[in-house]
Amino acid sequence: MNQEIMRNENEMNFFTDLCMQLPLLIIKTQCGLGKYKFNSIGTNKTKMVIRYKLISDGDFQNSDRIAYFLGDYCYFNAEQFLYACKHFAIA
C-alpha cells in the first residue's frame, strides 16, 4: 500500500512540474478555441485530475460562449493531458 501511495505522489509531482512548464493551453472545443491556464491537480477517488481554468482573452472571442455552455474549467486525466502535450509539442 505504501508503494502505491508513493507512486501516486511521484506521478502527481511529475505532472505538477509538467503543468508548470506548460501553464497555458489552447484547446479547441465544440464552442470554439479557448485559452486555459493551469489551476490545480487533485484526485477524484483514485484518479488524478488536472484542472485548467478558462482565461478571457481578447485574441479568443469564443471565451464567453465556452464559459456559458461548457463552464470555466477543463478537466484532464493523465492520459488526456499527455495527449494534449503531444499535440502542443508537434505544433
C-alpha atoms as a PDB file:
ATOM      1  CA  MET A   1       0.000   0.000   0.000  1.00  0.00           C
ATOM      2  CA  ASN A   2       2.793   2.460   0.868  1.00  0.00           C
ATOM      3  CA  GLN A   3       4.463   1.830  -2.501  1.00  0.00           C
ATOM      4  CA  GLU A   4       1.235   2.709  -4.296  1.00  0.00           C
ATOM      5  CA  ILE A   5       0.861   5.925  -2.298  1.00  0.00           C
ATOM      6  CA  MET A   6       4.464   6.883  -3.089  1.00  0.00           C
ATOM      7  CA  ARG A   7       3.955   6.077  -6.775  1.00  0.00           C
ATOM      8  CA  ASN A   8       0.827   8.274  -6.841  1.00  0.00           C
ATOM      9  CA  GLU A   9       2.691  11.115  -5.110  1.00  0.00           C
ATOM     10  CA  ASN A  10       5.569  10.799  -7.574  1.00  0.00           C
ATOM     11  CA  GLU A  11       3.126  10.890 -10.501  1.00  0.00           C
ATOM     12  CA  MET A  12       1.380  13.961  -9.102  1.00  0.00           C
ATOM     13  CA  ASN A  13       4.751  15.694  -8.607  1.00  0.00           C
ATOM     14  CA  PHE A  14       5.759  14.821 -12.177  1.00  0.00           C
ATOM     15  CA  PHE A  15       2.506  16.162 -13.611  1.00  0.00           C
ATOM     16  CA  THR A  16       2.662  19.276 -11.428  1.00  0.00           C
ATOM     17  CA  ASP A  17       6.141  20.013 -12.795  1.00  0.00           C
ATOM     18  CA  LEU A  18       4.939  19.393 -16.340  1.00  0.00           C
ATOM     19  CA  CYS A  19       1.921  21.689 -15.871  1.00  0.00           C
ATOM     20  CA  MET A  20       4.180  24.422 -14.502  1.00  0.00           C
ATOM     21  CA  GLN A  21       6.243  24.147 -17.684  1.00  0.00           C
ATOM     22  CA  LEU A  22       3.062  24.279 -19.799  1.00  0.00           C
ATOM     23  CA  PRO A  23       0.889  26.723 -17.841  1.00  0.00           C
ATOM     24  CA  LEU A  24      -1.131  27.789 -20.889  1.00  0.00           C
ATOM     25  CA  LEU A  25      -3.001  25.576 -23.338  1.00  0.00           C
ATOM     26  CA  ILE A  26      -5.114  26.482 -26.357  1.00  0.00           C
ATOM     27  CA  ILE A  27      -7.966  23.987 -26.522  1.00  0.00           C
ATOM     28  CA  LYS A  28     -10.382  23.518 -29.395  1.00  0.00           C
ATOM     29  CA  THR A  29     -13.862  22.876 -28.022  1.00  0.00           C
ATOM     30  CA  GLN A  30     -17.209  22.428 -29.740  1.00  0.00           C
ATOM     31  CA  CYS A  31     -17.797  26.130 -28.942  1.00  0.00           C
ATOM     32  CA  GLY A  32     -14.508  27.369 -30.433  1.00  0.00           C
ATOM     33  CA  LEU A  33     -10.926  27.925 -29.337  1.00  0.00           C
ATOM     34  CA  GLY A  34     -10.240  28.778 -25.721  1.00  0.00           C
ATOM     35  CA  LYS A  35      -7.145  29.742 -23.804  1.00  0.00           C
ATOM     36  CA  TYR A  36      -6.679  27.927 -20.500  1.00  0.00           C
ATOM     37  CA  LYS A  37      -4.257  28.379 -17.605  1.00  0.00           C
ATOM     38  CA  PHE A  38      -3.099  25.639 -15.231  1.00  0.00           C
ATOM     39  CA  ASN A  39      -5.075  25.761 -11.989  1.00  0.00           C
ATOM     40  CA  SER A  40      -4.527  22.634  -9.892  1.00  0.00           C
ATOM     41  CA  ILE A  41      -4.026  18.896  -9.642  1.00  0.00           C
ATOM     42  CA  GLY A  42      -6.104  16.699  -7.377  1.00  0.00           C
ATOM     43  CA  THR A  43      -7.711  13.309  -7.185  1.00  0.00           C
ATOM     44  CA  ASN A  44     -11.197  12.065  -7.848  1.00  0.00           C
ATOM     45  CA  LYS A  45     -11.411   8.883  -5.780  1.00  0.00           C
ATOM     46  CA  THR A  46      -8.361   7.054  -7.169  1.00  0.00           C
ATOM     47  CA  LYS A  47      -7.808   9.008 -10.416  1.00  0.00           C
ATOM     48  CA  MET A  48      -5.631  12.069 -10.840  1.00  0.00           C
ATOM     49  CA  VAL A  49      -7.457  15.131 -12.230  1.00  0.00           C
ATOM     50  CA  ILE A  50      -5.646  18.086 -13.822  1.00  0.00           C
ATOM     51  CA  ARG A  51      -7.644  21.300 -13.916  1.00  0.00           C
ATOM     52  CA  TYR A  52      -7.114  24.251 -16.261  1.00  0.00           C
ATOM     53  CA  LYS A  53      -9.152  27.473 -15.997  1.00  0.00           C
ATOM     54  CA  LEU A  54     -10.540  29.348 -18.973  1.00  0.00           C
ATOM     55  CA  ILE A  55      -8.998  32.782 -19.458  1.00  0.00           C
ATOM     56  CA  SER A  56     -10.894  35.680 -21.019  1.00  0.00           C
ATOM     57  CA  ASP A  57      -8.511  36.827 -23.717  1.00  0.00           C
ATOM     58  CA  GLY A  58      -9.231  39.324 -26.493  1.00  0.00           C
ATOM     59  CA  ASP A  59      -7.499  37.048 -29.004  1.00  0.00           C
ATOM     60  CA  PHE A  60     -10.012  34.294 -28.294  1.00  0.00           C
ATOM     61  CA  GLN A  61     -13.503  35.674 -28.901  1.00  0.00           C
ATOM     62  CA  ASN A  62     -15.258  32.402 -28.017  1.00  0.00           C
ATOM     63  CA  SER A  63     -14.336  32.540 -24.318  1.00  0.00           C
ATOM     64  CA  ASP A  64     -17.757  33.819 -23.214  1.00  0.00           C
ATOM     65  CA  ARG A  65     -19.532  31.185 -25.279  1.00  0.00           C
ATOM     66  CA  ILE A  66     -17.278  28.420 -23.924  1.00  0.00           C
ATOM     67  CA  ALA A  67     -17.849  29.604 -20.350  1.00  0.00           C
ATOM     68  CA  TYR A  68     -21.621  29.700 -20.835  1.00  0.00           C
ATOM     69  CA  PHE A  69     -22.022  26.283 -22.458  1.00  0.00           C
ATOM     70  CA  LEU A  70     -19.060  24.302 -21.071  1.00  0.00           C
ATOM     71  CA  GLY A  71     -18.016  26.106 -17.897  1.00  0.00           C
ATOM     72  CA  ASP A  72     -14.871  27.873 -16.773  1.00  0.00           C
ATOM     73  CA  TYR A  73     -12.733  24.774 -16.251  1.00  0.00           C
ATOM     74  CA  CYS A  74     -11.318  21.981 -18.385  1.00  0.00           C
ATOM     75  CA  TYR A  75     -10.519  18.728 -16.606  1.00  0.00           C
ATOM     76  CA  PHE A  76      -7.973  16.180 -17.828  1.00  0.00           C
ATOM     77  CA  ASN A  77      -6.942  12.770 -16.643  1.00  0.00           C
ATOM     78  CA  ALA A  78      -3.265  11.895 -17.072  1.00  0.00           C
ATOM     79  CA  GLU A  79      -3.705  10.292 -20.492  1.00  0.00           C
ATOM     80  CA  GLN A  80      -5.737  13.189 -21.890  1.00  0.00           C
ATOM     81  CA  PHE A  81      -3.195  15.715 -20.656  1.00  0.00           C
ATOM     82  CA  LEU A  82      -0.288  13.812 -22.202  1.00  0.00           C
ATOM     83  CA  TYR A  83      -2.233  13.662 -25.466  1.00  0.00           C
ATOM     84  CA  ALA A  84      -2.693  17.446 -25.369  1.00  0.00           C
ATOM     85  CA  CYS A  85       1.032  17.883 -24.617  1.00  0.00           C
ATOM     86  CA  LYS A  86       1.921  15.655 -27.567  1.00  0.00           C
ATOM     87  CA  HIS A  87      -0.036  17.897 -29.938  1.00  0.00           C
ATOM     88  CA  PHE A  88       1.451  21.000 -28.331  1.00  0.00           C
ATOM     89  CA  ALA A  89       4.963  19.616 -28.861  1.00  0.00           C
ATOM     90  CA  ILE A  90       4.238  18.803 -32.504  1.00  0.00           C
ATOM     91  CA  ALA A  91       2.841  22.281 -33.220  1.00  0.00           C
END
